[in-house]
Amino acid sequence: MKPLRDEVVIKQQSRENKTEAGIILTTDVAIKENVGEVVAMGSKAEELNIGDKVLFGPGFVVQEIDKIEYIIMRQQNILLVLEDGV
């Protein structure tokens, strides 16, 4: 896939599948964070690399491609790049 302009495609990460009380959640119920990995970006996207782990805000579209959910957003909706260990 090749996004246009400054669009970025992110594979969202899920939180732990177990609650604090020890209840195991199915993947359909698992809580999702606004954290993900950059898997593709348009030619005008700057300061990002494929594989960067990012924190993003509102303003995105969720699209399923080949049975995998991706988030598509403009680069301006990415708040920060997370460093290793975060």
Protein backbone atom coordinates (compact mmCIF):
# COMPACT_ATOMS: atom_id res chain seq x y z
CA MET A 1 0.00 0.00 0.00
CA LYS A 2 1.21 3.51 -0.78
CA PRO A 3 -0.51 6.40 1.01
CA LEU A 4 -0.74 9.78 -0.69
CA ARG A 5 0.70 13.13 0.46
CA ASP A 6 1.29 13.20 4.23
CA GLU A 7 -1.02 10.29 5.05
CA VAL A 8 0.37 7.64 7.40
CA VAL A 9 -0.81 4.03 7.87
CA ILE A 10 -0.50 2.62 11.38
CA LYS A 11 -1.05 -0.87 12.72
CA GLN A 12 -2.69 -0.29 16.09
CA GLN A 13 -1.49 -2.14 19.16
CA SER A 14 -3.82 -3.65 21.74
CA ARG A 15 -3.32 -3.46 25.46
CA GLU A 16 -2.86 -6.49 27.64
CA ASN A 17 -5.68 -9.00 27.11
CA LYS A 18 -6.10 -9.47 30.86
CA THR A 19 -7.80 -7.04 33.23
CA GLU A 20 -6.37 -6.15 36.65
CA ALA A 21 -8.88 -8.60 38.16
CA GLY A 22 -7.45 -11.41 36.02
CA ILE A 23 -10.31 -11.66 33.52
CA ILE A 24 -9.01 -12.61 30.07
CA LEU A 25 -10.56 -10.55 27.27
CA THR A 26 -11.14 -11.87 23.77
CA THR A 27 -9.49 -9.94 20.96
CA ASP A 28 -12.87 -8.43 20.06
CA VAL A 29 -13.17 -6.91 23.53
CA ALA A 30 -9.51 -6.04 24.13
CA ILE A 31 -8.96 -2.39 24.92
CA LYS A 32 -7.06 -0.52 22.24
CA GLU A 33 -4.66 2.31 22.89
CA ASN A 34 -3.78 5.20 20.64
CA VAL A 35 -0.40 3.59 20.05
CA GLY A 36 0.74 1.83 16.93
CA GLU A 37 3.51 1.10 14.47
CA VAL A 38 4.01 3.04 11.24
CA VAL A 39 3.72 0.56 8.35
CA ALA A 40 3.47 2.95 5.38
CA MET A 41 3.56 6.68 4.68
CA GLY A 42 3.12 9.10 1.83
CA SER A 43 5.99 10.90 0.15
CA LYS A 44 5.33 14.17 2.02
CA ALA A 45 5.38 12.61 5.51
CA GLU A 46 8.46 13.82 7.39
CA GLU A 47 10.23 12.99 10.65
CA LEU A 48 8.85 9.43 10.64
CA ASN A 49 10.26 6.07 9.64
CA ILE A 50 8.61 2.76 8.86
CA GLY A 51 8.57 0.78 12.11
CA ASP A 52 8.35 3.83 14.41
CA LYS A 53 6.08 3.32 17.42
CA VAL A 54 3.84 6.39 17.68
CA LEU A 55 1.18 7.91 19.91
CA PHE A 56 -1.68 9.46 17.94
CA GLY A 57 -4.68 11.64 18.67
CA PRO A 58 -8.16 11.82 17.15
CA GLY A 59 -8.84 12.25 13.46
CA PHE A 60 -8.29 8.93 11.76
CA VAL A 61 -10.02 6.31 9.62
CA VAL A 62 -9.99 2.59 10.44
CA GLN A 63 -9.74 0.37 7.38
CA GLU A 64 -9.51 -3.41 7.16
CA ILE A 65 -7.08 -4.65 4.51
CA ASP A 66 -6.41 -8.39 4.12
CA LYS A 67 -8.21 -9.04 7.44
CA ILE A 68 -5.91 -6.65 9.35
CA GLU A 69 -7.19 -3.37 10.78
CA TYR A 70 -5.10 -0.33 9.90
CA ILE A 71 -5.46 3.27 10.95
CA ILE A 72 -5.00 5.91 8.27
CA MET A 73 -4.38 9.51 9.30
CA ARG A 74 -2.57 12.67 8.38
CA GLN A 75 0.84 13.06 9.91
CA GLN A 76 -0.32 16.10 11.89
CA ASN A 77 -2.47 13.78 14.05
CA ILE A 78 0.59 11.91 15.31
CA LEU A 79 1.54 13.38 18.66
CA LEU A 80 4.94 11.81 19.25
CA VAL A 81 7.33 9.01 18.41
CA LEU A 82 7.90 6.69 21.36
CA GLU A 83 11.47 5.78 22.26
CA ASP A 84 12.60 2.21 22.99
CA GLY A 85 11.27 0.81 26.24
CA VAL A 86 8.22 3.08 26.42
